[in-house]
Amino acid sequence: HRALFAKYLKGTRLADEVLDVRFYGPDTAVVTGRGDTYKGSRPRKLT
């Protein structure tokens, strides 16, 4: 990520949407979500 932030993802932001959080016992969780990187305005649809 240090390399990505310095070059390919320089100046990007991260959009995220959590769809689901499920627990499997007291110490394990699975999160499913949508996300995307962007510059400028946040994308309407996350890819």
ModelCIF file with pLDDT and N, C-alpha, C, O atoms, coordinates in Angstrom:
data_MODEL
#
_entry.id   MODEL 
#
_entity.id                         1 
_entity.type                       polymer 
_entity.pdbx_number_of_molecules   1 
#
_entity_poly.entity_id                      1 
_entity_poly.type                           'polypeptide(L)' 
_entity_poly.nstd_linkage                   no 
_entity_poly.nstd_monomer                   no 
_entity_poly.pdbx_seq_one_letter_code       HRALFAKYLKGTRLADEVLDVRFYGPDTAVVTGRGDTYKGSRPRKLT 
_entity_poly.pdbx_seq_one_letter_code_can   HRALFAKYLKGTRLADEVLDVRFYGPDTAVVTGRGDTYKGSRPRKLT 
_entity_poly.pdbx_strand_id                 A 
#
loop_
_entity_poly_seq.entity_id 
_entity_poly_seq.num 
_entity_poly_seq.mon_id 
_entity_poly_seq.hetero 
1 1  HIS n 
1 2  ARG n 
1 3  ALA n 
1 4  LEU n 
1 5  PHE n 
1 6  ALA n 
1 7  LYS n 
1 8  TYR n 
1 9  LEU n 
1 10 LYS n 
1 11 GLY n 
1 12 THR n 
1 13 ARG n 
1 14 LEU n 
1 15 ALA n 
1 16 ASP n 
1 17 GLU n 
1 18 VAL n 
1 19 LEU n 
1 20 ASP n 
1 21 VAL n 
1 22 ARG n 
1 23 PHE n 
1 24 TYR n 
1 25 GLY n 
1 26 PRO n 
1 27 ASP n 
1 28 THR n 
1 29 ALA n 
1 30 VAL n 
1 31 VAL n 
1 32 THR n 
1 33 GLY n 
1 34 ARG n 
1 35 GLY n 
1 36 ASP n 
1 37 THR n 
1 38 TYR n 
1 39 LYS n 
1 40 GLY n 
1 41 SER n 
1 42 ARG n 
1 43 PRO n 
1 44 ARG n 
1 45 LYS n 
1 46 LEU n 
1 47 THR n 
#
_struct_asym.id          A 
_struct_asym.entity_id   1 
#
loop_
_ma_qa_metric.id 
_ma_qa_metric.mode 
_ma_qa_metric.name 
_ma_qa_metric.software_group_id 
_ma_qa_metric.type 
1 global pLDDT . pLDDT 
2 local  pLDDT . pLDDT 
#
_ma_qa_metric_global.metric_id      1 
_ma_qa_metric_global.metric_value   95.34 
_ma_qa_metric_global.model_id       1 
_ma_qa_metric_global.ordinal_id     1 
#
loop_
_ma_qa_metric_local.label_asym_id 
_ma_qa_metric_local.label_comp_id 
_ma_qa_metric_local.label_seq_id 
_ma_qa_metric_local.metric_id 
_ma_qa_metric_local.metric_value 
_ma_qa_metric_local.model_id 
_ma_qa_metric_local.ordinal_id 
A HIS 1  2 96.00 1 1  
A ARG 2  2 96.00 1 2  
A ALA 3  2 96.00 1 3  
A LEU 4  2 95.00 1 4  
A PHE 5  2 96.00 1 5  
A ALA 6  2 96.00 1 6  
A LYS 7  2 95.00 1 7  
A TYR 8  2 93.00 1 8  
A LEU 9  2 94.00 1 9  
A LYS 10 2 95.00 1 10 
A GLY 11 2 95.00 1 11 
A THR 12 2 96.00 1 12 
A ARG 13 2 96.00 1 13 
A LEU 14 2 95.00 1 14 
A ALA 15 2 95.00 1 15 
A ASP 16 2 95.00 1 16 
A GLU 17 2 95.00 1 17 
A VAL 18 2 96.00 1 18 
A LEU 19 2 95.00 1 19 
A ASP 20 2 95.00 1 20 
A VAL 21 2 97.00 1 21 
A ARG 22 2 97.00 1 22 
A PHE 23 2 97.00 1 23 
A TYR 24 2 96.00 1 24 
A GLY 25 2 95.00 1 25 
A PRO 26 2 95.00 1 26 
A ASP 27 2 97.00 1 27 
A THR 28 2 98.00 1 28 
A ALA 29 2 98.00 1 29 
A VAL 30 2 98.00 1 30 
A VAL 31 2 98.00 1 31 
A THR 32 2 97.00 1 32 
A GLY 33 2 96.00 1 33 
A ARG 34 2 95.00 1 34 
A GLY 35 2 95.00 1 35 
A ASP 36 2 95.00 1 36 
A THR 37 2 95.00 1 37 
A TYR 38 2 95.00 1 38 
A LYS 39 2 95.00 1 39 
A GLY 40 2 94.00 1 40 
A SER 41 2 95.00 1 41 
A ARG 42 2 95.00 1 42 
A PRO 43 2 95.00 1 43 
A ARG 44 2 92.00 1 44 
A LYS 45 2 91.00 1 45 
A LEU 46 2 93.00 1 46 
A THR 47 2 92.00 1 47 
#
loop_
_atom_site.group_PDB 
_atom_site.id 
_atom_site.type_symbol 
_atom_site.label_atom_id 
_atom_site.label_alt_id 
_atom_site.label_comp_id 
_atom_site.label_asym_id 
_atom_site.label_entity_id 
_atom_site.label_seq_id 
_atom_site.pdbx_PDB_ins_code 
_atom_site.Cartn_x 
_atom_site.Cartn_y 
_atom_site.Cartn_z 
_atom_site.occupancy 
_atom_site.B_iso_or_equiv 
_atom_site.pdbx_formal_charge 
_atom_site.auth_seq_id 
_atom_site.auth_comp_id 
_atom_site.auth_asym_id 
_atom_site.auth_atom_id 
_atom_site.pdbx_PDB_model_num 
ATOM 1   N N  . HIS A 1 1  ? 0.819   -1.214  0.000  1.00 96.00 ? 1  HIS A N  1 
ATOM 2   C CA . HIS A 1 1  ? 0.000   0.000   0.000  1.00 96.00 ? 1  HIS A CA 1 
ATOM 3   C C  . HIS A 1 1  ? 0.854   1.266   0.000  1.00 96.00 ? 1  HIS A C  1 
ATOM 4   O O  . HIS A 1 1  ? 0.454   2.290   -0.554 1.00 96.00 ? 1  HIS A O  1 
ATOM 5   N N  . ARG A 1 2  ? 2.003   1.192   0.609  1.00 96.00 ? 2  ARG A N  1 
ATOM 6   C CA . ARG A 1 2  ? 2.918   2.339   0.528  1.00 96.00 ? 2  ARG A CA 1 
ATOM 7   C C  . ARG A 1 2  ? 3.255   2.614   -0.941 1.00 96.00 ? 2  ARG A C  1 
ATOM 8   O O  . ARG A 1 2  ? 3.256   3.765   -1.377 1.00 96.00 ? 2  ARG A O  1 
ATOM 9   N N  . ALA A 1 3  ? 3.540   1.558   -1.694 1.00 96.00 ? 3  ALA A N  1 
ATOM 10  C CA . ALA A 1 3  ? 3.855   1.708   -3.123 1.00 96.00 ? 3  ALA A CA 1 
ATOM 11  C C  . ALA A 1 3  ? 2.627   2.149   -3.912 1.00 96.00 ? 3  ALA A C  1 
ATOM 12  O O  . ALA A 1 3  ? 2.731   3.009   -4.787 1.00 96.00 ? 3  ALA A O  1 
ATOM 13  N N  . LEU A 1 4  ? 1.462   1.567   -3.610 1.00 95.00 ? 4  LEU A N  1 
ATOM 14  C CA . LEU A 1 4  ? 0.232   1.943   -4.319 1.00 95.00 ? 4  LEU A CA 1 
ATOM 15  C C  . LEU A 1 4  ? -0.130  3.405   -4.086 1.00 95.00 ? 4  LEU A C  1 
ATOM 16  O O  . LEU A 1 4  ? -0.490  4.114   -5.026 1.00 95.00 ? 4  LEU A O  1 
ATOM 17  N N  . PHE A 1 5  ? -0.036  3.860   -2.830 1.00 96.00 ? 5  PHE A N  1 
ATOM 18  C CA . PHE A 1 5  ? -0.382  5.252   -2.511 1.00 96.00 ? 5  PHE A CA 1 
ATOM 19  C C  . PHE A 1 5  ? 0.582   6.236   -3.164 1.00 96.00 ? 5  PHE A C  1 
ATOM 20  O O  . PHE A 1 5  ? 0.213   7.373   -3.457 1.00 96.00 ? 5  PHE A O  1 
ATOM 21  N N  . ALA A 1 6  ? 1.813   5.798   -3.390 1.00 96.00 ? 6  ALA A N  1 
ATOM 22  C CA . ALA A 1 6  ? 2.807   6.673   -4.011 1.00 96.00 ? 6  ALA A CA 1 
ATOM 23  C C  . ALA A 1 6  ? 2.663   6.746   -5.526 1.00 96.00 ? 6  ALA A C  1 
ATOM 24  O O  . ALA A 1 6  ? 3.141   7.694   -6.148 1.00 96.00 ? 6  ALA A O  1 
ATOM 25  N N  . LYS A 1 7  ? 2.004   5.747   -6.128 1.00 95.00 ? 7  LYS A N  1 
ATOM 26  C CA . LYS A 1 7  ? 1.956   5.713   -7.590 1.00 95.00 ? 7  LYS A CA 1 
ATOM 27  C C  . LYS A 1 7  ? 0.544   5.499   -8.121 1.00 95.00 ? 7  LYS A C  1 
ATOM 28  O O  . LYS A 1 7  ? -0.146  6.468   -8.439 1.00 95.00 ? 7  LYS A O  1 
ATOM 29  N N  . TYR A 1 8  ? 0.109   4.264   -8.221 1.00 93.00 ? 8  TYR A N  1 
ATOM 30  C CA . TYR A 1 8  ? -1.143  3.936   -8.902 1.00 93.00 ? 8  TYR A CA 1 
ATOM 31  C C  . TYR A 1 8  ? -2.386  4.483   -8.212 1.00 93.00 ? 8  TYR A C  1 
ATOM 32  O O  . TYR A 1 8  ? -3.353  4.846   -8.881 1.00 93.00 ? 8  TYR A O  1 
ATOM 33  N N  . LEU A 1 9  ? -2.372  4.545   -6.902 1.00 94.00 ? 9  LEU A N  1 
ATOM 34  C CA . LEU A 1 9  ? -3.555  5.007   -6.165 1.00 94.00 ? 9  LEU A CA 1 
ATOM 35  C C  . LEU A 1 9  ? -3.337  6.371   -5.522 1.00 94.00 ? 9  LEU A C  1 
ATOM 36  O O  . LEU A 1 9  ? -4.069  6.754   -4.610 1.00 94.00 ? 9  LEU A O  1 
ATOM 37  N N  . LYS A 1 10 ? -2.339  7.096   -5.991 1.00 95.00 ? 10 LYS A N  1 
ATOM 38  C CA . LYS A 1 10 ? -2.030  8.420   -5.461 1.00 95.00 ? 10 LYS A CA 1 
ATOM 39  C C  . LYS A 1 10 ? -3.249  9.340   -5.634 1.00 95.00 ? 10 LYS A C  1 
ATOM 40  O O  . LYS A 1 10 ? -3.806  9.457   -6.725 1.00 95.00 ? 10 LYS A O  1 
ATOM 41  N N  . GLY A 1 11 ? -3.640  9.975   -4.553 1.00 95.00 ? 11 GLY A N  1 
ATOM 42  C CA . GLY A 1 11 ? -4.744  10.926  -4.605 1.00 95.00 ? 11 GLY A CA 1 
ATOM 43  C C  . GLY A 1 11 ? -6.129  10.304  -4.615 1.00 95.00 ? 11 GLY A C  1 
ATOM 44  O O  . GLY A 1 11 ? -7.123  11.017  -4.757 1.00 95.00 ? 11 GLY A O  1 
ATOM 45  N N  . THR A 1 12 ? -6.213  8.989   -4.465 1.00 96.00 ? 12 THR A N  1 
ATOM 46  C CA . THR A 1 12 ? -7.530  8.339   -4.490 1.00 96.00 ? 12 THR A CA 1 
ATOM 47  C C  . THR A 1 12 ? -8.175  8.357   -3.114 1.00 96.00 ? 12 THR A C  1 
ATOM 48  O O  . THR A 1 12 ? -7.524  8.565   -2.090 1.00 96.00 ? 12 THR A O  1 
ATOM 49  N N  . ARG A 1 13 ? -9.459  8.133   -3.135 1.00 96.00 ? 13 ARG A N  1 
ATOM 50  C CA . ARG A 1 13 ? -10.238 7.950   -1.921 1.00 96.00 ? 13 ARG A CA 1 
ATOM 51  C C  . ARG A 1 13 ? -10.865 6.558   -2.009 1.00 96.00 ? 13 ARG A C  1 
ATOM 52  O O  . ARG A 1 13 ? -10.884 5.934   -3.070 1.00 96.00 ? 13 ARG A O  1 
ATOM 53  N N  . LEU A 1 14 ? -11.366 6.096   -0.892 1.00 95.00 ? 14 LEU A N  1 
ATOM 54  C CA . LEU A 1 14 ? -11.966 4.768   -0.846 1.00 95.00 ? 14 LEU A CA 1 
ATOM 55  C C  . LEU A 1 14 ? -13.433 4.904   -0.463 1.00 95.00 ? 14 LEU A C  1 
ATOM 56  O O  . LEU A 1 14 ? -13.761 5.459   0.585  1.00 95.00 ? 14 LEU A O  1 
ATOM 57  N N  . ALA A 1 15 ? -14.308 4.395   -1.319 1.00 95.00 ? 15 ALA A N  1 
ATOM 58  C CA . ALA A 1 15 ? -15.746 4.349   -1.036 1.00 95.00 ? 15 ALA A CA 1 
ATOM 59  C C  . ALA A 1 15 ? -16.063 2.955   -0.531 1.00 95.00 ? 15 ALA A C  1 
ATOM 60  O O  . ALA A 1 15 ? -15.507 1.971   -1.020 1.00 95.00 ? 15 ALA A O  1 
ATOM 61  N N  . ASP A 1 16 ? -16.944 2.868   0.436  1.00 95.00 ? 16 ASP A N  1 
ATOM 62  C CA . ASP A 1 16 ? -17.255 1.575   1.031  1.00 95.00 ? 16 ASP A CA 1 
ATOM 63  C C  . ASP A 1 16 ? -18.712 1.544   1.453  1.00 95.00 ? 16 ASP A C  1 
ATOM 64  O O  . ASP A 1 16 ? -19.283 2.563   1.842  1.00 95.00 ? 16 ASP A O  1 
ATOM 65  N N  . GLU A 1 17 ? -19.303 0.367   1.371  1.00 95.00 ? 17 GLU A N  1 
ATOM 66  C CA . GLU A 1 17 ? -20.672 0.148   1.822  1.00 95.00 ? 17 GLU A CA 1 
ATOM 67  C C  . GLU A 1 17 ? -20.731 -1.250  2.429  1.00 95.00 ? 17 GLU A C  1 
ATOM 68  O O  . GLU A 1 17 ? -20.529 -2.243  1.730  1.00 95.00 ? 17 GLU A O  1 
ATOM 69  N N  . VAL A 1 18 ? -21.006 -1.325  3.717  1.00 96.00 ? 18 VAL A N  1 
ATOM 70  C CA . VAL A 1 18 ? -21.128 -2.622  4.383  1.00 96.00 ? 18 VAL A CA 1 
ATOM 71  C C  . VAL A 1 18 ? -22.506 -3.185  4.070  1.00 96.00 ? 18 VAL A C  1 
ATOM 72  O O  . VAL A 1 18 ? -23.521 -2.531  4.310  1.00 96.00 ? 18 VAL A O  1 
ATOM 73  N N  . LEU A 1 19 ? -22.537 -4.398  3.535  1.00 95.00 ? 19 LEU A N  1 
ATOM 74  C CA . LEU A 1 19 ? -23.793 -5.072  3.206  1.00 95.00 ? 19 LEU A CA 1 
ATOM 75  C C  . LEU A 1 19 ? -24.253 -5.979  4.336  1.00 95.00 ? 19 LEU A C  1 
ATOM 76  O O  . LEU A 1 19 ? -25.452 -6.117  4.579  1.00 95.00 ? 19 LEU A O  1 
ATOM 77  N N  . ASP A 1 20 ? -23.295 -6.603  5.031  1.00 95.00 ? 20 ASP A N  1 
ATOM 78  C CA . ASP A 1 20 ? -23.658 -7.619  6.001  1.00 95.00 ? 20 ASP A CA 1 
ATOM 79  C C  . ASP A 1 20 ? -22.518 -7.825  6.987  1.00 95.00 ? 20 ASP A C  1 
ATOM 80  O O  . ASP A 1 20 ? -21.347 -7.813  6.606  1.00 95.00 ? 20 ASP A O  1 
ATOM 81  N N  . VAL A 1 21 ? -22.866 -8.013  8.256  1.00 97.00 ? 21 VAL A N  1 
ATOM 82  C CA . VAL A 1 21 ? -21.908 -8.409  9.291  1.00 97.00 ? 21 VAL A CA 1 
ATOM 83  C C  . VAL A 1 21 ? -22.482 -9.647  9.959  1.00 97.00 ? 21 VAL A C  1 
ATOM 84  O O  . VAL A 1 21 ? -23.584 -9.610  10.505 1.00 97.00 ? 21 VAL A O  1 
ATOM 85  N N  . ARG A 1 22 ? -21.731 -10.745 9.916  1.00 97.00 ? 22 ARG A N  1 
ATOM 86  C CA . ARG A 1 22 ? -22.170 -11.996 10.549 1.00 97.00 ? 22 ARG A CA 1 
ATOM 87  C C  . ARG A 1 22 ? -21.084 -12.482 11.491 1.00 97.00 ? 22 ARG A C  1 
ATOM 88  O O  . ARG A 1 22 ? -19.896 -12.366 11.192 1.00 97.00 ? 22 ARG A O  1 
ATOM 89  N N  . PHE A 1 23 ? -21.491 -13.021 12.618 1.00 97.00 ? 23 PHE A N  1 
ATOM 90  C CA . PHE A 1 23 ? -20.551 -13.543 13.598 1.00 97.00 ? 23 PHE A CA 1 
ATOM 91  C C  . PHE A 1 23 ? -20.602 -15.067 13.599 1.00 97.00 ? 23 PHE A C  1 
ATOM 92  O O  . PHE A 1 23 ? -21.669 -15.671 13.490 1.00 97.00 ? 23 PHE A O  1 
ATOM 93  N N  . TYR A 1 24 ? -19.434 -15.666 13.724 1.00 96.00 ? 24 TYR A N  1 
ATOM 94  C CA . TYR A 1 24 ? -19.287 -17.108 13.830 1.00 96.00 ? 24 TYR A CA 1 
ATOM 95  C C  . TYR A 1 24 ? -18.554 -17.365 15.132 1.00 96.00 ? 24 TYR A C  1 
ATOM 96  O O  . TYR A 1 24 ? -17.338 -17.555 15.148 1.00 96.00 ? 24 TYR A O  1 
ATOM 97  N N  . GLY A 1 25 ? -19.298 -17.369 16.213 1.00 95.00 ? 25 GLY A N  1 
ATOM 98  C CA . GLY A 1 25 ? -18.717 -17.462 17.539 1.00 95.00 ? 25 GLY A CA 1 
ATOM 99  C C  . GLY A 1 25 ? -18.386 -16.070 18.049 1.00 95.00 ? 25 GLY A C  1 
ATOM 100 O O  . GLY A 1 25 ? -18.599 -15.082 17.346 1.00 95.00 ? 25 GLY A O  1 
ATOM 101 N N  . PRO A 1 26 ? -17.870 -15.987 19.255 1.00 95.00 ? 26 PRO A N  1 
ATOM 102 C CA . PRO A 1 26 ? -17.639 -14.681 19.870 1.00 95.00 ? 26 PRO A CA 1 
ATOM 103 C C  . PRO A 1 26 ? -16.435 -13.922 19.322 1.00 95.00 ? 26 PRO A C  1 
ATOM 104 O O  . PRO A 1 26 ? -16.310 -12.721 19.562 1.00 95.00 ? 26 PRO A O  1 
ATOM 105 N N  . ASP A 1 27 ? -15.547 -14.595 18.591 1.00 97.00 ? 27 ASP A N  1 
ATOM 106 C CA . ASP A 1 27 ? -14.296 -13.961 18.194 1.00 97.00 ? 27 ASP A CA 1 
ATOM 107 C C  . ASP A 1 27 ? -14.032 -13.935 16.696 1.00 97.00 ? 27 ASP A C  1 
ATOM 108 O O  . ASP A 1 27 ? -12.909 -13.656 16.276 1.00 97.00 ? 27 ASP A O  1 
ATOM 109 N N  . THR A 1 28 ? -15.048 -14.222 15.878 1.00 98.00 ? 28 THR A N  1 
ATOM 110 C CA . THR A 1 28 ? -14.877 -14.232 14.423 1.00 98.00 ? 28 THR A CA 1 
ATOM 111 C C  . THR A 1 28 ? -16.078 -13.566 13.766 1.00 98.00 ? 28 THR A C  1 
ATOM 112 O O  . THR A 1 28 ? -17.227 -13.870 14.087 1.00 98.00 ? 28 THR A O  1 
ATOM 113 N N  . ALA A 1 29 ? -15.795 -12.657 12.844 1.00 98.00 ? 29 ALA A N  1 
ATOM 114 C CA . ALA A 1 29 ? -16.863 -11.979 12.108 1.00 98.00 ? 29 ALA A CA 1 
ATOM 115 C C  . ALA A 1 29 ? -16.514 -11.960 10.631 1.00 98.00 ? 29 ALA A C  1 
ATOM 116 O O  . ALA A 1 29 ? -15.344 -11.869 10.259 1.00 98.00 ? 29 ALA A O  1 
ATOM 117 N N  . VAL A 1 30 ? -17.537 -12.046 9.793  1.00 98.00 ? 30 VAL A N  1 
ATOM 118 C CA . VAL A 1 30 ? -17.370 -11.916 8.355  1.00 98.00 ? 30 VAL A CA 1 
ATOM 119 C C  . VAL A 1 30 ? -18.182 -10.700 7.915  1.00 98.00 ? 30 VAL A C  1 
ATOM 120 O O  . VAL A 1 30 ? -19.377 -10.592 8.186  1.00 98.00 ? 30 VAL A O  1 
ATOM 121 N N  . VAL A 1 31 ? -17.495 -9.792  7.229  1.00 98.00 ? 31 VAL A N  1 
ATOM 122 C CA . VAL A 1 31 ? -18.138 -8.591  6.711  1.00 98.00 ? 31 VAL A CA 1 
ATOM 123 C C  . VAL A 1 31 ? -18.122 -8.678  5.196  1.00 98.00 ? 31 VAL A C  1 
ATOM 124 O O  . VAL A 1 31 ? -17.076 -8.917  4.593  1.00 98.00 ? 31 VAL A O  1 
ATOM 125 N N  . THR A 1 32 ? -19.274 -8.485  4.584  1.00 97.00 ? 32 THR A N  1 
ATOM 126 C CA . THR A 1 32 ? -19.372 -8.421  3.129  1.00 97.00 ? 32 THR A CA 1 
ATOM 127 C C  . THR A 1 32 ? -19.753 -6.996  2.778  1.00 97.00 ? 32 THR A C  1 
ATOM 128 O O  . THR A 1 32 ? -20.631 -6.404  3.407  1.00 97.00 ? 32 THR A O  1 
ATOM 129 N N  . GLY A 1 33 ? -19.087 -6.448  1.770  1.00 96.00 ? 33 GLY A N  1 
ATOM 130 C CA . GLY A 1 33 ? -19.376 -5.071  1.390  1.00 96.00 ? 33 GLY A CA 1 
ATOM 131 C C  . GLY A 1 33 ? -19.069 -4.809  -0.063 1.00 96.00 ? 33 GLY A C  1 
ATOM 132 O O  . GLY A 1 33 ? -18.591 -5.673  -0.798 1.00 96.00 ? 33 GLY A O  1 
ATOM 133 N N  . ARG A 1 34 ? -19.359 -3.597  -0.444 1.00 95.00 ? 34 ARG A N  1 
ATOM 134 C CA . ARG A 1 34 ? -18.997 -3.090  -1.776 1.00 95.00 ? 34 ARG A CA 1 
ATOM 135 C C  . ARG A 1 34 ? -17.992 -1.975  -1.572 1.00 95.00 ? 34 ARG A C  1 
ATOM 136 O O  . ARG A 1 34 ? -17.996 -1.301  -0.542 1.00 95.00 ? 34 ARG A O  1 
ATOM 137 N N  . GLY A 1 35 ? -17.137 -1.786  -2.550 1.00 95.00 ? 35 GLY A N  1 
ATOM 138 C CA . GLY A 1 35 ? -16.151 -0.721  -2.432 1.00 95.00 ? 35 GLY A CA 1 
ATOM 139 C C  . GLY A 1 35 ? -15.621 -0.308  -3.785 1.00 95.00 ? 35 GLY A C  1 
ATOM 140 O O  . GLY A 1 35 ? -15.872 -0.947  -4.806 1.00 95.00 ? 35 GLY A O  1 
ATOM 141 N N  . ASP A 1 36 ? -14.886 0.778   -3.756 1.00 95.00 ? 36 ASP A N  1 
ATOM 142 C CA . ASP A 1 36 ? -14.242 1.273   -4.963 1.00 95.00 ? 36 ASP A CA 1 
ATOM 143 C C  . ASP A 1 36 ? -13.277 2.381   -4.601 1.00 95.00 ? 36 ASP A C  1 
ATOM 144 O O  . ASP A 1 36 ? -13.442 3.059   -3.587 1.00 95.00 ? 36 ASP A O  1 
ATOM 145 N N  . THR A 1 37 ? -12.271 2.559   -5.433 1.00 95.00 ? 37 THR A N  1 
ATOM 146 C CA . THR A 1 37 ? -11.391 3.715   -5.296 1.00 95.00 ? 37 THR A CA 1 
ATOM 147 C C  . THR A 1 37 ? -11.855 4.755   -6.303 1.00 95.00 ? 37 THR A C  1 
ATOM 148 O O  . THR A 1 37 ? -12.421 4.429   -7.346 1.00 95.00 ? 37 THR A O  1 
ATOM 149 N N  . TYR A 1 38 ? -11.601 6.014   -5.967 1.00 95.00 ? 38 TYR A N  1 
ATOM 150 C CA . TYR A 1 38 ? -12.038 7.083   -6.873 1.00 95.00 ? 38 TYR A CA 1 
ATOM 151 C C  . TYR A 1 38 ? -11.258 8.359   -6.618 1.00 95.00 ? 38 TYR A C  1 
ATOM 152 O O  . TYR A 1 38 ? -10.623 8.525   -5.577 1.00 95.00 ? 38 TYR A O  1 
ATOM 153 N N  . LYS A 1 39 ? -11.319 9.245   -7.583 1.00 95.00 ? 39 LYS A N  1 
ATOM 154 C CA . LYS A 1 39 ? -10.847 10.625  -7.461 1.00 95.00 ? 39 LYS A CA 1 
ATOM 155 C C  . LYS A 1 39 ? -12.038 11.502  -7.798 1.00 95.00 ? 39 LYS A C  1 
ATOM 156 O O  . LYS A 1 39 ? -12.866 11.126  -8.627 1.00 95.00 ? 39 LYS A O  1 
ATOM 157 N N  . GLY A 1 40 ? -12.137 12.649  -7.177 1.00 94.00 ? 40 GLY A N  1 
ATOM 158 C CA . GLY A 1 40 ? -13.289 13.520  -7.447 1.00 94.00 ? 40 GLY A CA 1 
ATOM 159 C C  . GLY A 1 40 ? -14.497 13.065  -6.662 1.00 94.00 ? 40 GLY A C  1 
ATOM 160 O O  . GLY A 1 40 ? -14.410 12.805  -5.462 1.00 94.00 ? 40 GLY A O  1 
ATOM 161 N N  . SER A 1 41 ? -15.626 12.970  -7.345 1.00 95.00 ? 41 SER A N  1 
ATOM 162 C CA . SER A 1 41 ? -16.885 12.605  -6.692 1.00 95.00 ? 41 SER A CA 1 
ATOM 163 C C  . SER A 1 41 ? -16.970 11.105  -6.446 1.00 95.00 ? 41 SER A C  1 
ATOM 164 O O  . SER A 1 41 ? -16.486 10.300  -7.241 1.00 95.00 ? 41 SER A O  1 
ATOM 165 N N  . ARG A 1 42 ? -17.593 10.748  -5.332 1.00 95.00 ? 42 ARG A N  1 
ATOM 166 C CA . ARG A 1 42 ? -17.809 9.343   -5.001 1.00 95.00 ? 42 ARG A CA 1 
ATOM 167 C C  . ARG A 1 42 ? -18.689 8.708   -6.080 1.00 95.00 ? 42 ARG A C  1 
ATOM 168 O O  . ARG A 1 42 ? -19.703 9.293   -6.462 1.00 95.00 ? 42 ARG A O  1 
ATOM 169 N N  . PRO A 1 43 ? -18.319 7.517   -6.578 1.00 95.00 ? 43 PRO A N  1 
ATOM 170 C CA . PRO A 1 43 ? -19.143 6.852   -7.598 1.00 95.00 ? 43 PRO A CA 1 
ATOM 171 C C  . PRO A 1 43 ? -20.494 6.429   -7.021 1.00 95.00 ? 43 PRO A C  1 
ATOM 172 O O  . PRO A 1 43 ? -20.595 6.047   -5.855 1.00 95.00 ? 43 PRO A O  1 
ATOM 173 N N  . ARG A 1 44 ? -21.519 6.504   -7.852 1.00 92.00 ? 44 ARG A N  1 
ATOM 174 C CA . ARG A 1 44 ? -22.854 6.074   -7.413 1.00 92.00 ? 44 ARG A CA 1 
ATOM 175 C C  . ARG A 1 44 ? -22.919 4.567   -7.240 1.00 92.00 ? 44 ARG A C  1 
ATOM 176 O O  . ARG A 1 44 ? -23.530 4.070   -6.294 1.00 92.00 ? 44 ARG A O  1 
ATOM 177 N N  . LYS A 1 45 ? -22.286 3.838   -8.156 1.00 91.00 ? 45 LYS A N  1 
ATOM 178 C CA . LYS A 1 45 ? -22.267 2.376   -8.078 1.00 91.00 ? 45 LYS A CA 1 
ATOM 179 C C  . LYS A 1 45 ? -20.839 1.932   -7.785 1.00 91.00 ? 45 LYS A C  1 
ATOM 180 O O  . LYS A 1 45 ? -19.894 2.334   -8.464 1.00 91.00 ? 45 LYS A O  1 
ATOM 181 N N  . LEU A 1 46 ? -20.705 1.106   -6.773 1.00 93.00 ? 46 LEU A N  1 
ATOM 182 C CA . LEU A 1 46 ? -19.387 0.596   -6.398 1.00 93.00 ? 46 LEU A CA 1 
ATOM 183 C C  . LEU A 1 46 ? -19.147 -0.719  -7.135 1.00 93.00 ? 46 LEU A C  1 
ATOM 184 O O  . LEU A 1 46 ? -20.008 -1.599  -7.153 1.00 93.00 ? 46 LEU A O  1 
ATOM 185 N N  . THR A 1 47 ? -17.962 -0.841  -7.746 1.00 92.00 ? 47 THR A N  1 
ATOM 186 C CA . THR A 1 47 ? -17.713 -1.937  -8.693 1.00 92.00 ? 47 THR A CA 1 
ATOM 187 C C  . THR A 1 47 ? -17.033 -3.164  -8.101 1.00 92.00 ? 47 THR A C  1 
ATOM 188 O O  . THR A 1 47 ? -16.782 -4.135  -8.815 1.00 92.00 ? 47 THR A O  1 
#
